[in-house]
Amino acid sequence: MKWSWNIGRIAGIDLKIHLTFFFLLLWVGFSAMFSGGGALDVLSEILFILALFFCVVLHELGHALTAKRFGIATRDITLLPIGGVARLDSMPEDPKEELLVAAAGPAVNVLISILLFGGLIISGILTQPMNISALLDNFWLRLLAVNISLVVFNLIPAFPMDGGRVLRAILASRVEYDKATRIAVNIGRGFAVLMGIAGFFFNPWLILTALFVWSVAGAEARAVEVKAGMKGLLVRDAMISQFYQVEDNQAMESVFQLSLATGQQHIPVVSNGNFLGIIRRSDLLIALDKLGNRAPAYTAIGLEPQGIEPESPLQDVLPEFRTSRVQPVIENRQLIGLVTPESVQQRMWLNKRKKQIGPQPPSETVNPT
């Protein structure tokens, strides 16, 4: 995520803070100051926010570590003013597994609430008369109240929040996964509208949450639709089989001329038929400037992807596009094709078109008499 800084690792997962999170701390500090509080009050409010977001990190770790049990890695956890975001490589498509991953976050907050409640009982605070003033003044009571609120709020069935994912998991056990996603997204966007309206009257942070729910729900719906469109397709189905390639010892000048003449921005490099890597246009220009026209082509290689087997499911190529928009298709160490996001989209469009048209009746054969 842009404008985020890595501040460490927890359980092997990068922990990041988004720039806007610091604006939240400033807003909290100035609010305490303008309310008549002194330096200790400002510090107390900032420490409370940090304690709250520590609970948020634990919440996201609950998702991440549960997903890890099902073989799904988490790239990072980013703290935003509206909460935390754990970027999992994917969500389990098995409804039971998704249900466990989605419920793990709120379950962590339930556990924190139980521990805080127990600590407050032992300390004797809960045996004292309770009122709103006591609740607002006690650091640990406020943290308990916020964790309970996080459980309730996250279980609202507004996809992609935890409650929305639980809803999708339940729906997916009864209908197709993509249909369950569409239903959960529509319900989530309905809640987003309600949250946005409530935000105008009660809390502006609800407006930010509503925008987040609306946009992320739509993005995930599109991702699920893409996966559904790839169902049954192999890498070979979306492979570009006609392309230009160069030998490893070919002069850089001829590679440049080939790229200009054909418009091909990514040039594969081979040696005796074996794939070595890919020269991007930007890599080629840098190599020409540094090494000259006569330098061999292999010195300009900027990408060395492992390659994808032609019989692999087409959806397996999607994560690889994060590193390069051109992926080589390798069979017996030989380069037999290239796959790009555009070739995948075209193949999906063709597949969808065929399904819309349906099977065509066989043409009649007329025998002359």
Protein backbone atom coordinates (compact mmCIF):
# COMPACT_ATOMS: atom_id res chain seq x y z
CA MET A 1 0.00 0.00 0.00
CA LYS A 2 1.38 3.43 -0.99
CA TRP A 3 2.48 5.91 1.68
CA SER A 4 3.08 3.11 4.19
CA TRP A 5 6.23 2.48 6.22
CA ASN A 6 7.48 -0.80 7.59
CA ILE A 7 7.96 -0.61 11.39
CA GLY A 8 8.83 -4.25 12.08
CA ARG A 9 7.74 -7.86 11.78
CA ILE A 10 5.39 -9.93 13.91
CA ALA A 11 5.19 -13.71 13.43
CA GLY A 12 7.07 -13.25 10.13
CA ILE A 13 4.56 -10.67 8.84
CA ASP A 14 5.54 -7.09 7.96
CA LEU A 15 3.79 -4.50 10.11
CA LYS A 16 3.26 -1.14 8.38
CA ILE A 17 1.81 2.24 9.31
CA HIS A 18 0.04 4.38 6.74
CA LEU A 19 0.76 8.10 6.61
CA THR A 20 -2.85 8.93 7.52
CA PHE A 21 -2.44 7.10 10.85
CA PHE A 22 -0.17 9.91 12.07
CA PHE A 23 -2.91 12.42 11.20
CA LEU A 24 -5.18 10.45 13.52
CA LEU A 25 -2.68 10.78 16.37
CA LEU A 26 -2.38 14.53 15.71
CA TRP A 27 -6.16 14.91 15.62
CA VAL A 28 -6.53 13.03 18.93
CA GLY A 29 -3.78 15.09 20.56
CA PHE A 30 -5.17 18.45 19.42
CA SER A 31 -8.71 17.41 20.40
CA ALA A 32 -7.54 16.66 23.94
CA MET A 33 -5.65 19.96 24.07
CA PHE A 34 -8.57 22.09 22.82
CA SER A 35 -10.87 20.34 25.30
CA GLY A 36 -8.89 21.95 28.08
CA GLY A 37 -6.57 19.05 28.84
CA GLY A 38 -2.96 19.40 29.83
CA ALA A 39 0.12 17.62 28.56
CA LEU A 40 -0.68 14.49 30.61
CA ASP A 41 -4.20 14.34 29.14
CA VAL A 42 -2.82 14.62 25.60
CA LEU A 43 -0.27 11.89 26.31
CA SER A 44 -2.96 9.69 27.88
CA GLU A 45 -5.21 10.00 24.82
CA ILE A 46 -2.38 9.18 22.42
CA LEU A 47 -1.36 6.17 24.54
CA PHE A 48 -4.96 4.99 24.50
CA ILE A 49 -5.05 5.13 20.70
CA LEU A 50 -1.78 3.19 20.55
CA ALA A 51 -3.18 0.57 22.98
CA LEU A 52 -6.34 0.35 20.88
CA PHE A 53 -4.35 -0.23 17.71
CA PHE A 54 -2.23 -2.82 19.47
CA CYS A 55 -5.51 -4.71 19.94
CA VAL A 56 -6.24 -4.11 16.25
CA VAL A 57 -2.87 -5.65 15.32
CA LEU A 58 -3.70 -8.70 17.46
CA HIS A 59 -7.07 -8.86 15.69
CA GLU A 60 -5.40 -8.92 12.27
CA LEU A 61 -2.86 -11.48 13.49
CA GLY A 62 -5.81 -13.70 14.39
CA HIS A 63 -6.85 -13.65 10.73
CA ALA A 64 -3.29 -14.09 9.46
CA LEU A 65 -2.28 -16.99 11.70
CA THR A 66 -5.54 -18.84 11.07
CA ALA A 67 -5.08 -18.38 7.32
CA LYS A 68 -1.53 -19.73 7.68
CA ARG A 69 -2.99 -22.99 9.00
CA PHE A 70 -4.67 -23.40 5.62
CA GLY A 71 -1.49 -22.63 3.67
CA ILE A 72 -2.31 -18.97 2.95
CA ALA A 73 0.43 -16.42 3.56
CA THR A 74 -0.06 -12.82 4.69
CA ARG A 75 2.01 -10.18 2.92
CA ASP A 76 1.64 -7.45 5.54
CA ILE A 77 -0.59 -5.76 8.09
CA THR A 78 -1.15 -2.02 7.59
CA LEU A 79 -2.55 0.33 10.23
CA LEU A 80 -4.99 2.94 8.93
CA PRO A 81 -7.09 5.50 10.84
CA ILE A 82 -10.15 3.28 10.33
CA GLY A 83 -8.39 0.12 11.59
CA GLY A 84 -6.02 -2.53 10.32
CA VAL A 85 -5.81 -4.34 7.00
CA ALA A 86 -4.16 -7.76 6.69
CA ARG A 87 -3.27 -8.46 3.06
CA LEU A 88 -3.67 -12.19 2.64
CA ASP A 89 -2.49 -13.77 -0.61
CA SER A 90 -6.02 -15.11 -0.98
CA MET A 91 -9.07 -16.10 1.01
CA PRO A 92 -9.96 -19.79 1.36
CA GLU A 93 -12.69 -20.79 -1.05
CA ASP A 94 -13.76 -23.59 1.28
CA PRO A 95 -16.67 -22.01 3.22
CA LYS A 96 -15.65 -23.66 6.50
CA GLU A 97 -12.08 -22.39 6.22
CA GLU A 98 -13.20 -18.86 5.30
CA LEU A 99 -15.60 -18.89 8.24
CA LEU A 100 -12.74 -19.76 10.61
CA VAL A 101 -10.39 -17.14 9.14
CA ALA A 102 -13.08 -14.42 9.27
CA ALA A 103 -14.17 -15.28 12.81
CA ALA A 104 -10.60 -15.46 14.16
CA GLY A 105 -10.21 -11.66 14.32
CA PRO A 106 -13.30 -10.93 16.46
CA ALA A 107 -12.46 -14.00 18.55
CA VAL A 108 -9.16 -12.33 19.50
CA ASN A 109 -11.06 -9.23 20.68
CA VAL A 110 -13.40 -11.46 22.69
CA LEU A 111 -10.35 -13.00 24.39
CA ILE A 112 -8.85 -9.56 25.09
CA SER A 113 -12.19 -8.43 26.54
CA ILE A 114 -12.31 -11.47 28.83
CA LEU A 115 -8.77 -10.81 30.06
CA LEU A 116 -9.49 -7.11 30.66
CA PHE A 117 -12.76 -7.95 32.41
CA GLY A 118 -10.98 -10.44 34.66
CA GLY A 119 -8.25 -7.93 35.46
CA LEU A 120 -10.80 -5.26 36.35
CA ILE A 121 -12.63 -7.66 38.67
CA ILE A 122 -9.39 -8.63 40.42
CA SER A 123 -8.41 -4.97 40.80
CA GLY A 124 -11.80 -4.18 42.34
CA ILE A 125 -12.62 -1.44 39.84
CA LEU A 126 -15.86 -3.11 38.73
CA THR A 127 -17.07 -3.32 42.33
CA GLN A 128 -17.14 0.47 42.53
CA PRO A 129 -20.19 2.52 41.47
CA MET A 130 -20.21 2.94 37.69
CA ASN A 131 -21.26 6.00 35.70
CA ILE A 132 -20.33 7.61 32.40
CA SER A 133 -17.67 9.78 34.03
CA ALA A 134 -15.95 6.73 35.58
CA LEU A 135 -16.04 4.95 32.23
CA LEU A 136 -14.46 7.88 30.40
CA ASP A 137 -11.78 8.43 33.03
CA ASN A 138 -10.55 4.85 33.43
CA PHE A 139 -8.04 3.77 30.77
CA TRP A 140 -8.74 0.02 31.11
CA LEU A 141 -12.51 0.35 31.23
CA ARG A 142 -12.37 2.35 28.00
CA LEU A 143 -10.15 -0.28 26.39
CA LEU A 144 -12.60 -3.00 27.45
CA ALA A 145 -15.53 -1.03 26.02
CA VAL A 146 -13.68 -0.45 22.74
CA ASN A 147 -12.81 -4.15 22.35
CA ILE A 148 -16.44 -5.11 22.91
CA SER A 149 -17.40 -2.48 20.32
CA LEU A 150 -14.85 -3.95 17.88
CA VAL A 151 -16.46 -7.38 18.23
CA VAL A 152 -19.96 -5.99 17.61
CA PHE A 153 -18.86 -3.67 14.80
CA ASN A 154 -16.80 -6.29 12.95
CA LEU A 155 -19.65 -8.80 13.02
CA ILE A 156 -21.94 -6.44 11.10
CA PRO A 157 -22.63 -8.34 7.84
CA ALA A 158 -21.04 -5.62 5.70
CA PHE A 159 -18.66 -7.33 3.26
CA PRO A 160 -15.61 -7.19 3.26
CA MET A 161 -15.70 -6.75 7.05
CA ASP A 162 -15.46 -9.90 9.14
CA GLY A 163 -19.22 -10.24 9.51
CA GLY A 164 -19.61 -9.93 5.75
CA ARG A 165 -17.06 -12.68 5.18
CA VAL A 166 -18.86 -14.89 7.69
CA LEU A 167 -22.06 -14.19 5.75
CA ARG A 168 -20.40 -15.12 2.45
CA ALA A 169 -19.03 -18.33 3.97
CA ILE A 170 -22.52 -19.30 5.12
CA LEU A 171 -24.03 -18.42 1.73
CA ALA A 172 -21.25 -20.24 -0.13
CA SER A 173 -22.20 -23.47 1.62
CA ARG A 174 -25.57 -23.22 -0.12
CA VAL A 175 -24.95 -21.45 -3.45
CA GLU A 176 -22.02 -20.98 -5.84
CA TYR A 177 -19.08 -18.98 -4.49
CA ASP A 178 -19.34 -16.11 -6.98
CA LYS A 179 -23.09 -15.78 -6.38
CA ALA A 180 -22.52 -15.79 -2.61
CA THR A 181 -19.94 -13.01 -3.10
CA ARG A 182 -22.37 -10.89 -5.14
CA ILE A 183 -25.06 -11.21 -2.46
CA ALA A 184 -22.61 -10.39 0.35
CA VAL A 185 -21.22 -7.41 -1.60
CA ASN A 186 -24.70 -5.96 -2.24
CA ILE A 187 -25.60 -6.32 1.43
CA GLY A 188 -22.25 -4.81 2.42
CA ARG A 189 -22.76 -1.81 0.15
CA GLY A 190 -26.21 -1.32 1.65
CA PHE A 191 -24.61 -1.14 5.10
CA ALA A 192 -21.95 1.20 3.67
CA VAL A 193 -24.68 3.65 2.61
CA LEU A 194 -26.24 3.50 6.08
CA MET A 195 -22.83 4.02 7.73
CA GLY A 196 -22.13 6.98 5.44
CA ILE A 197 -25.45 8.61 6.36
CA ALA A 198 -24.85 7.96 10.07
CA GLY A 199 -21.39 9.46 9.72
CA PHE A 200 -22.82 12.84 8.72
CA PHE A 201 -24.78 13.02 11.98
CA PHE A 202 -22.62 11.18 14.53
CA ASN A 203 -19.00 10.37 13.62
CA PRO A 204 -17.05 11.37 10.48
CA TRP A 205 -14.90 8.22 10.78
CA LEU A 206 -17.99 6.24 9.76
CA ILE A 207 -17.89 8.03 6.40
CA LEU A 208 -14.30 6.86 5.82
CA THR A 209 -15.29 3.33 6.86
CA ALA A 210 -18.26 3.42 4.48
CA LEU A 211 -16.04 4.49 1.57
CA PHE A 212 -13.56 1.72 2.43
CA VAL A 213 -16.30 -0.93 2.59
CA TRP A 214 -17.83 0.23 -0.71
CA SER A 215 -14.55 0.30 -2.68
CA VAL A 216 -12.95 -2.86 -1.27
CA ALA A 217 -16.18 -4.84 -1.63
CA GLY A 218 -16.35 -3.88 -5.29
CA ALA A 219 -12.70 -4.76 -5.87
CA GLU A 220 -13.09 -8.19 -4.29
CA ALA A 221 -16.28 -8.83 -6.22
CA ARG A 222 -14.40 -8.15 -9.46
CA ALA A 223 -11.55 -10.43 -8.37
CA VAL A 224 -13.97 -13.27 -7.64
CA GLU A 225 -15.66 -12.67 -10.99
CA VAL A 226 -12.27 -12.94 -12.71
CA LYS A 227 -11.53 -16.22 -10.95
CA ALA A 228 -14.95 -17.54 -11.89
CA GLY A 229 -14.28 -16.59 -15.52
CA MET A 230 -11.02 -18.57 -15.40
CA LYS A 231 -12.65 -21.70 -14.07
CA GLY A 232 -11.69 -24.66 -16.23
CA LEU A 233 -9.15 -22.68 -18.27
CA LEU A 234 -5.45 -23.58 -18.48
CA VAL A 235 -2.43 -21.36 -19.06
CA ARG A 236 -2.19 -22.81 -22.56
CA ASP A 237 -5.64 -21.39 -23.36
CA ALA A 238 -4.48 -17.78 -22.81
CA MET A 239 -0.96 -18.21 -24.16
CA ILE A 240 0.47 -15.99 -26.89
CA SER A 241 2.23 -18.41 -29.19
CA GLN A 242 3.48 -15.93 -31.79
CA PHE A 243 6.18 -13.60 -30.47
CA TYR A 244 9.77 -12.54 -31.13
CA GLN A 245 12.75 -13.75 -29.12
CA VAL A 246 16.52 -13.29 -29.33
CA GLU A 247 19.59 -15.40 -28.64
CA ASP A 248 21.72 -14.60 -25.61
CA ASN A 249 24.77 -13.48 -27.64
CA GLN A 250 22.82 -11.34 -30.10
CA ALA A 251 23.98 -7.71 -30.27
CA MET A 252 21.99 -5.24 -28.20
CA GLU A 253 21.51 -2.96 -31.20
CA SER A 254 19.63 -5.66 -33.12
CA VAL A 255 17.42 -6.27 -30.07
CA PHE A 256 16.58 -2.57 -29.99
CA GLN A 257 15.78 -2.55 -33.72
CA LEU A 258 13.58 -5.62 -33.27
CA SER A 259 11.64 -3.93 -30.46
CA LEU A 260 11.16 -0.79 -32.55
CA ALA A 261 10.06 -2.68 -35.65
CA THR A 262 7.61 -5.01 -33.89
CA GLY A 263 6.43 -2.85 -30.99
CA GLN A 264 7.12 -5.73 -28.61
CA GLN A 265 8.02 -4.19 -25.24
CA HIS A 266 9.25 -7.41 -23.59
CA ILE A 267 11.80 -9.52 -25.49
CA PRO A 268 12.52 -13.08 -24.25
CA VAL A 269 16.15 -14.23 -24.32
CA VAL A 270 17.05 -17.87 -25.01
CA SER A 271 20.24 -19.89 -25.29
CA ASN A 272 20.09 -22.94 -27.55
CA GLY A 273 16.35 -22.97 -27.02
CA ASN A 274 16.55 -22.72 -23.21
CA PHE A 275 14.79 -19.72 -21.67
CA LEU A 276 17.07 -17.29 -19.78
CA GLY A 277 14.97 -14.22 -19.01
CA ILE A 278 13.15 -11.20 -20.39
CA ILE A 279 14.46 -7.83 -21.54
CA ARG A 280 12.06 -4.97 -20.84
CA ARG A 281 12.26 -1.81 -22.95
CA SER A 282 13.46 0.20 -19.93
CA ASP A 283 16.20 -2.39 -19.18
CA LEU A 284 17.25 -2.33 -22.82
CA LEU A 285 17.66 1.44 -22.90
CA ILE A 286 19.70 1.45 -19.69
CA ALA A 287 21.94 -1.37 -20.97
CA LEU A 288 22.47 0.40 -24.31
CA ASP A 289 23.50 3.57 -22.51
CA LYS A 290 25.92 1.78 -20.16
CA LEU A 291 27.29 -1.08 -22.28
CA GLY A 292 26.90 0.07 -25.87
CA ASN A 293 25.35 -1.33 -29.04
CA ARG A 294 27.58 -4.40 -29.36
CA ALA A 295 27.00 -5.80 -25.86
CA PRO A 296 25.32 -9.23 -25.87
CA ALA A 297 21.58 -9.39 -25.27
CA TYR A 298 21.80 -11.40 -22.03
CA THR A 299 23.46 -8.45 -20.25
CA ALA A 300 20.19 -6.48 -20.55
CA ILE A 301 18.01 -9.17 -18.93
CA GLY A 302 15.94 -7.49 -16.22
CA LEU A 303 13.52 -10.29 -15.33
CA GLU A 304 14.22 -13.96 -14.71
CA PRO A 305 10.81 -15.46 -13.87
CA GLN A 306 10.63 -19.19 -13.25
CA GLY A 307 7.97 -19.64 -15.88
CA ILE A 308 4.59 -21.35 -15.80
CA GLU A 309 3.70 -24.77 -17.13
CA PRO A 310 1.13 -24.73 -19.94
CA GLU A 311 -1.18 -27.22 -18.20
CA SER A 312 -1.37 -25.19 -14.96
CA PRO A 313 -4.73 -23.62 -14.04
CA LEU A 314 -4.95 -20.15 -15.55
CA GLN A 315 -5.73 -18.54 -12.20
CA ASP A 316 -2.27 -19.59 -10.97
CA VAL A 317 -0.76 -16.89 -13.17
CA LEU A 318 -2.55 -14.00 -11.41
CA PRO A 319 -0.14 -13.71 -8.43
CA GLU A 320 2.81 -13.77 -10.86
CA PHE A 321 1.59 -10.59 -12.56
CA ARG A 322 2.57 -8.67 -9.40
CA THR A 323 6.23 -9.06 -10.38
CA SER A 324 5.90 -8.87 -14.16
CA ARG A 325 3.10 -8.25 -16.63
CA VAL A 326 4.66 -10.79 -18.99
CA GLN A 327 5.04 -14.39 -17.84
CA PRO A 328 6.87 -17.04 -19.89
CA VAL A 329 5.25 -20.41 -20.51
CA ILE A 330 7.90 -23.13 -20.22
CA GLU A 331 7.68 -26.75 -21.31
CA ASN A 332 10.76 -28.99 -21.00
CA ARG A 333 12.86 -25.87 -20.39
CA GLN A 334 11.75 -24.52 -23.76
CA LEU A 335 9.90 -21.22 -24.13
CA ILE A 336 6.63 -21.99 -25.94
CA GLY A 337 4.59 -18.87 -25.22
CA LEU A 338 3.89 -15.74 -23.19
CA VAL A 339 0.97 -14.81 -20.96
CA THR A 340 -0.05 -11.22 -20.25
CA PRO A 341 -3.02 -9.64 -18.43
CA GLU A 342 -4.36 -8.63 -21.85
CA SER A 343 -4.17 -12.17 -23.22
CA VAL A 344 -5.93 -13.47 -20.10
CA GLN A 345 -8.69 -10.86 -20.44
CA GLN A 346 -9.18 -11.69 -24.11
CA ARG A 347 -9.41 -15.42 -23.40
CA MET A 348 -11.89 -14.81 -20.58
CA TRP A 349 -13.99 -12.57 -22.84
CA LEU A 350 -14.01 -15.25 -25.54
CA ASN A 351 -14.96 -17.90 -22.99
CA LYS A 352 -17.78 -15.74 -21.62
CA ARG A 353 -18.98 -15.01 -25.16
CA LYS A 354 -19.15 -18.70 -25.98
CA LYS A 355 -21.20 -19.37 -22.85
CA GLN A 356 -23.62 -16.56 -23.73
CA ILE A 357 -24.11 -17.84 -27.27
CA GLY A 358 -24.40 -21.44 -26.12
CA PRO A 359 -23.72 -24.58 -28.12
CA GLN A 360 -24.33 -24.13 -31.82
CA PRO A 361 -26.36 -26.72 -33.73
CA PRO A 362 -24.38 -28.68 -36.30
CA SER A 363 -24.63 -27.28 -39.79
CA GLU A 364 -26.68 -29.29 -42.26
CA THR A 365 -24.90 -31.06 -45.05
CA VAL A 366 -26.60 -30.85 -48.45
CA ASN A 367 -25.82 -33.69 -50.81
CA PRO A 368 -26.22 -32.79 -54.45
CA THR A 369 -28.51 -35.08 -56.42
